[in-house]
Amino acid sequence: MGPGVVVVDLRLWGKQRGLGGGILYRLVCHGLSAAAAVRVLWRDVLSLRLRERLAAGLGLSEAEACAVLELWASLHDVGKLTPSFRRQGQVPPGCGR
């Protein structure tokens, strides 16, 4: 693999509960979905005034604030990557233990 190539381990599990039928949602996909949800909420639900207040509170422009909130949302399950979580038996079989 050449420089700049990013390899994503799709075995890593992000969500299972509530999906039914033993379906596993991969960690990278779960993080991307959370970030996308924040973007939609920011763009379509939050008022301009609230977006301005949040951005000001973070000391960022509105675009930067949205990006930071997307990042935070995407990382909300980063603990599932830790060895201690994976050793506790909370990872379904075949999910990159």
N, C-alpha and C. Protein backbone atom coordinates (compact mmCIF):
# COMPACT_ATOMS: atom_id res chain seq x y z
N MET A 1 0.82 -1.19 0.00
CA MET A 1 0.00 0.00 0.00
C MET A 1 0.87 1.25 0.00
N GLY A 2 0.43 2.22 -0.76
CA GLY A 2 1.22 3.44 -0.90
C GLY A 2 0.93 4.45 0.20
N PRO A 3 1.69 5.53 0.23
CA PRO A 3 1.47 6.58 1.23
C PRO A 3 0.09 7.22 1.05
N GLY A 4 -0.49 7.58 2.16
CA GLY A 4 -1.79 8.24 2.13
C GLY A 4 -2.97 7.29 2.07
N VAL A 5 -2.69 5.99 2.01
CA VAL A 5 -3.78 5.00 1.97
C VAL A 5 -4.19 4.69 3.40
N VAL A 6 -5.47 4.78 3.66
CA VAL A 6 -6.00 4.50 4.99
C VAL A 6 -6.74 3.17 4.93
N VAL A 7 -6.39 2.29 5.86
CA VAL A 7 -7.05 0.99 5.94
C VAL A 7 -8.00 1.02 7.12
N VAL A 8 -9.24 0.66 6.88
CA VAL A 8 -10.26 0.63 7.93
C VAL A 8 -10.61 -0.81 8.22
N ASP A 9 -10.51 -1.20 9.48
CA ASP A 9 -10.86 -2.56 9.89
C ASP A 9 -12.37 -2.65 10.02
N LEU A 10 -13.01 -3.25 9.05
CA LEU A 10 -14.47 -3.34 9.05
C LEU A 10 -15.00 -4.42 9.98
N ARG A 11 -14.10 -5.16 10.64
CA ARG A 11 -14.57 -6.13 11.63
C ARG A 11 -15.00 -5.44 12.91
N LEU A 12 -14.53 -4.23 13.15
CA LEU A 12 -14.80 -3.55 14.41
C LEU A 12 -16.27 -3.15 14.49
N TRP A 13 -16.90 -3.54 15.54
CA TRP A 13 -18.33 -3.40 15.73
C TRP A 13 -18.66 -2.10 16.43
N GLY A 14 -19.74 -1.45 16.03
CA GLY A 14 -20.13 -0.18 16.62
C GLY A 14 -21.48 -0.22 17.30
N LYS A 15 -22.43 -0.95 16.72
CA LYS A 15 -23.77 -0.98 17.28
C LYS A 15 -24.43 -2.29 16.89
N GLN A 16 -25.22 -2.81 17.83
CA GLN A 16 -25.98 -4.02 17.55
C GLN A 16 -27.40 -3.90 18.10
N ARG A 17 -27.52 -3.40 19.32
CA ARG A 17 -28.81 -3.32 19.99
C ARG A 17 -29.82 -2.51 19.18
N GLY A 18 -31.02 -3.07 19.05
CA GLY A 18 -32.09 -2.37 18.35
C GLY A 18 -32.09 -2.55 16.85
N LEU A 19 -31.10 -3.26 16.32
CA LEU A 19 -31.05 -3.46 14.87
C LEU A 19 -31.78 -4.73 14.44
N GLY A 20 -32.01 -5.64 15.38
CA GLY A 20 -32.76 -6.86 15.09
C GLY A 20 -31.98 -7.89 14.31
N GLY A 21 -32.30 -9.13 14.57
CA GLY A 21 -31.75 -10.23 13.80
C GLY A 21 -30.25 -10.41 13.87
N GLY A 22 -29.61 -9.93 14.92
CA GLY A 22 -28.17 -10.11 15.05
C GLY A 22 -27.35 -9.26 14.09
N ILE A 23 -27.96 -8.26 13.52
CA ILE A 23 -27.25 -7.38 12.59
C ILE A 23 -26.22 -6.56 13.37
N LEU A 24 -25.04 -6.43 12.80
CA LEU A 24 -23.98 -5.62 13.40
C LEU A 24 -23.71 -4.42 12.51
N TYR A 25 -23.64 -3.26 13.12
CA TYR A 25 -23.32 -2.03 12.39
C TYR A 25 -21.87 -1.72 12.71
N ARG A 26 -21.05 -1.67 11.70
CA ARG A 26 -19.62 -1.49 11.88
C ARG A 26 -19.30 -0.13 12.51
N LEU A 27 -18.26 -0.09 13.30
CA LEU A 27 -17.90 1.11 14.06
C LEU A 27 -17.69 2.31 13.16
N VAL A 28 -16.97 2.15 12.07
CA VAL A 28 -16.71 3.29 11.18
C VAL A 28 -18.02 3.81 10.60
N CYS A 29 -18.94 2.92 10.24
CA CYS A 29 -20.23 3.34 9.68
C CYS A 29 -21.08 4.03 10.74
N HIS A 30 -21.05 3.51 11.95
CA HIS A 30 -21.80 4.10 13.06
C HIS A 30 -21.31 5.53 13.33
N GLY A 31 -20.00 5.72 13.31
CA GLY A 31 -19.44 7.06 13.53
C GLY A 31 -19.81 8.02 12.42
N LEU A 32 -19.75 7.55 11.17
CA LEU A 32 -20.13 8.40 10.05
C LEU A 32 -21.61 8.76 10.09
N SER A 33 -22.45 7.82 10.50
CA SER A 33 -23.89 8.09 10.62
C SER A 33 -24.16 9.15 11.69
N ALA A 34 -23.46 9.04 12.80
CA ALA A 34 -23.64 10.02 13.88
C ALA A 34 -23.22 11.41 13.41
N ALA A 35 -22.11 11.49 12.68
CA ALA A 35 -21.66 12.79 12.16
C ALA A 35 -22.67 13.35 11.17
N ALA A 36 -23.20 12.50 10.31
CA ALA A 36 -24.19 12.95 9.33
C ALA A 36 -25.46 13.44 10.03
N ALA A 37 -25.86 12.77 11.10
CA ALA A 37 -27.05 13.20 11.85
C ALA A 37 -26.85 14.59 12.44
N VAL A 38 -25.65 14.83 12.97
CA VAL A 38 -25.35 16.16 13.53
C VAL A 38 -25.42 17.21 12.43
N ARG A 39 -24.89 16.91 11.26
CA ARG A 39 -24.92 17.87 10.15
C ARG A 39 -26.36 18.22 9.77
N VAL A 40 -27.22 17.20 9.69
CA VAL A 40 -28.62 17.45 9.34
C VAL A 40 -29.31 18.26 10.43
N LEU A 41 -29.07 17.92 11.68
CA LEU A 41 -29.66 18.69 12.78
C LEU A 41 -29.19 20.14 12.73
N TRP A 42 -27.90 20.33 12.52
CA TRP A 42 -27.33 21.69 12.46
C TRP A 42 -27.98 22.49 11.33
N ARG A 43 -28.06 21.86 10.17
CA ARG A 43 -28.55 22.56 8.98
C ARG A 43 -30.07 22.76 8.96
N ASP A 44 -30.81 21.73 9.40
CA ASP A 44 -32.27 21.72 9.19
C ASP A 44 -33.11 21.93 10.43
N VAL A 45 -32.53 21.77 11.61
CA VAL A 45 -33.34 21.82 12.82
C VAL A 45 -32.99 23.02 13.69
N LEU A 46 -31.71 23.24 13.93
CA LEU A 46 -31.31 24.34 14.79
C LEU A 46 -31.57 25.69 14.13
N SER A 47 -32.04 26.62 14.90
CA SER A 47 -32.27 27.97 14.38
C SER A 47 -30.93 28.65 14.13
N LEU A 48 -30.97 29.65 13.29
CA LEU A 48 -29.76 30.44 13.01
C LEU A 48 -29.21 31.02 14.31
N ARG A 49 -30.09 31.52 15.14
CA ARG A 49 -29.66 32.13 16.42
C ARG A 49 -28.94 31.10 17.31
N LEU A 50 -29.48 29.90 17.38
CA LEU A 50 -28.83 28.87 18.21
C LEU A 50 -27.50 28.45 17.61
N ARG A 51 -27.43 28.31 16.29
CA ARG A 51 -26.15 27.98 15.65
C ARG A 51 -25.11 29.05 15.94
N GLU A 52 -25.52 30.31 15.86
CA GLU A 52 -24.60 31.42 16.15
C GLU A 52 -24.13 31.37 17.60
N ARG A 53 -25.05 31.10 18.52
CA ARG A 53 -24.68 31.04 19.95
C ARG A 53 -23.73 29.88 20.23
N LEU A 54 -24.01 28.72 19.64
CA LEU A 54 -23.13 27.57 19.83
C LEU A 54 -21.74 27.85 19.26
N ALA A 55 -21.70 28.40 18.06
CA ALA A 55 -20.41 28.72 17.44
C ALA A 55 -19.64 29.73 18.28
N ALA A 56 -20.33 30.76 18.75
CA ALA A 56 -19.67 31.77 19.59
C ALA A 56 -19.15 31.15 20.88
N GLY A 57 -19.93 30.27 21.47
CA GLY A 57 -19.51 29.60 22.69
C GLY A 57 -18.26 28.75 22.51
N LEU A 58 -18.11 28.22 21.32
CA LEU A 58 -16.92 27.43 21.00
C LEU A 58 -15.78 28.29 20.47
N GLY A 59 -16.07 29.56 20.21
CA GLY A 59 -15.05 30.45 19.66
C GLY A 59 -14.71 30.12 18.22
N LEU A 60 -15.71 29.64 17.47
CA LEU A 60 -15.50 29.19 16.10
C LEU A 60 -16.52 29.82 15.16
N SER A 61 -16.25 29.72 13.88
CA SER A 61 -17.26 30.11 12.90
C SER A 61 -18.36 29.04 12.92
N GLU A 62 -19.48 29.33 12.29
CA GLU A 62 -20.55 28.33 12.26
C GLU A 62 -20.11 27.05 11.55
N ALA A 63 -19.42 27.19 10.44
CA ALA A 63 -18.95 26.01 9.70
C ALA A 63 -17.98 25.19 10.55
N GLU A 64 -17.07 25.88 11.23
CA GLU A 64 -16.11 25.18 12.10
C GLU A 64 -16.81 24.49 13.26
N ALA A 65 -17.79 25.16 13.85
CA ALA A 65 -18.53 24.58 14.97
C ALA A 65 -19.26 23.33 14.54
N CYS A 66 -19.89 23.39 13.38
CA CYS A 66 -20.58 22.20 12.87
C CYS A 66 -19.60 21.05 12.68
N ALA A 67 -18.43 21.35 12.10
CA ALA A 67 -17.43 20.31 11.87
C ALA A 67 -16.93 19.70 13.18
N VAL A 68 -16.72 20.53 14.19
CA VAL A 68 -16.27 20.03 15.49
C VAL A 68 -17.35 19.14 16.12
N LEU A 69 -18.60 19.57 16.05
CA LEU A 69 -19.68 18.76 16.61
C LEU A 69 -19.83 17.45 15.85
N GLU A 70 -19.64 17.48 14.55
CA GLU A 70 -19.66 16.24 13.76
C GLU A 70 -18.54 15.30 14.22
N LEU A 71 -17.36 15.85 14.43
CA LEU A 71 -16.24 15.04 14.89
C LEU A 71 -16.55 14.41 16.24
N TRP A 72 -17.03 15.23 17.18
CA TRP A 72 -17.36 14.70 18.50
C TRP A 72 -18.39 13.59 18.40
N ALA A 73 -19.40 13.79 17.58
CA ALA A 73 -20.44 12.77 17.42
C ALA A 73 -19.86 11.49 16.82
N SER A 74 -18.97 11.65 15.86
CA SER A 74 -18.40 10.47 15.20
C SER A 74 -17.52 9.66 16.14
N LEU A 75 -16.98 10.32 17.16
CA LEU A 75 -16.07 9.65 18.10
C LEU A 75 -16.77 9.16 19.38
N HIS A 76 -18.08 9.25 19.44
CA HIS A 76 -18.77 8.97 20.70
C HIS A 76 -18.60 7.53 21.18
N ASP A 77 -18.27 6.61 20.29
CA ASP A 77 -18.06 5.21 20.70
C ASP A 77 -16.61 4.77 20.56
N VAL A 78 -15.69 5.71 20.57
CA VAL A 78 -14.28 5.37 20.39
C VAL A 78 -13.79 4.39 21.46
N GLY A 79 -14.43 4.39 22.61
CA GLY A 79 -14.06 3.44 23.67
C GLY A 79 -14.22 1.99 23.27
N LYS A 80 -15.03 1.73 22.25
CA LYS A 80 -15.21 0.35 21.79
C LYS A 80 -13.95 -0.19 21.12
N LEU A 81 -12.98 0.68 20.86
CA LEU A 81 -11.71 0.25 20.29
C LEU A 81 -10.72 -0.21 21.36
N THR A 82 -11.00 0.10 22.61
CA THR A 82 -10.03 -0.18 23.67
C THR A 82 -9.97 -1.67 24.00
N PRO A 83 -8.79 -2.15 24.32
CA PRO A 83 -8.64 -3.56 24.69
C PRO A 83 -9.53 -3.96 25.88
N SER A 84 -9.68 -3.07 26.85
CA SER A 84 -10.49 -3.42 28.02
C SER A 84 -11.95 -3.67 27.64
N PHE A 85 -12.50 -2.87 26.76
CA PHE A 85 -13.88 -3.08 26.30
C PHE A 85 -13.99 -4.41 25.56
N ARG A 86 -13.02 -4.66 24.71
CA ARG A 86 -13.07 -5.85 23.89
C ARG A 86 -12.86 -7.11 24.72
N ARG A 87 -12.09 -7.02 25.81
CA ARG A 87 -11.86 -8.18 26.69
C ARG A 87 -13.07 -8.49 27.56
N GLN A 88 -13.94 -7.52 27.79
CA GLN A 88 -15.08 -7.72 28.68
C GLN A 88 -16.18 -8.57 28.06
N GLY A 89 -15.95 -9.09 26.88
CA GLY A 89 -16.95 -9.94 26.26
C GLY A 89 -18.12 -9.17 25.68
N GLN A 90 -17.95 -7.89 25.46
CA GLN A 90 -19.02 -7.08 24.92
C GLN A 90 -18.98 -7.02 23.40
N VAL A 91 -18.08 -7.77 22.81
CA VAL A 91 -17.93 -7.75 21.37
C VAL A 91 -18.46 -9.06 20.80
N PRO A 92 -19.42 -9.00 19.89
CA PRO A 92 -19.95 -10.22 19.30
C PRO A 92 -18.86 -11.00 18.56
N PRO A 93 -19.01 -12.31 18.47
CA PRO A 93 -18.02 -13.15 17.77
C PRO A 93 -17.77 -12.65 16.33
N GLY A 94 -16.51 -12.69 15.92
CA GLY A 94 -16.15 -12.31 14.56
C GLY A 94 -16.04 -10.82 14.34
N CYS A 95 -16.00 -10.05 15.41
CA CYS A 95 -15.97 -8.58 15.27
C CYS A 95 -14.63 -7.99 15.68
N GLY A 96 -13.55 -8.62 15.32
CA GLY A 96 -12.23 -8.05 15.54
C GLY A 96 -11.77 -8.03 16.97
N ARG A 97 -12.08 -9.09 17.71
CA ARG A 97 -11.65 -9.17 19.11
C ARG A 97 -10.16 -9.16 19.24
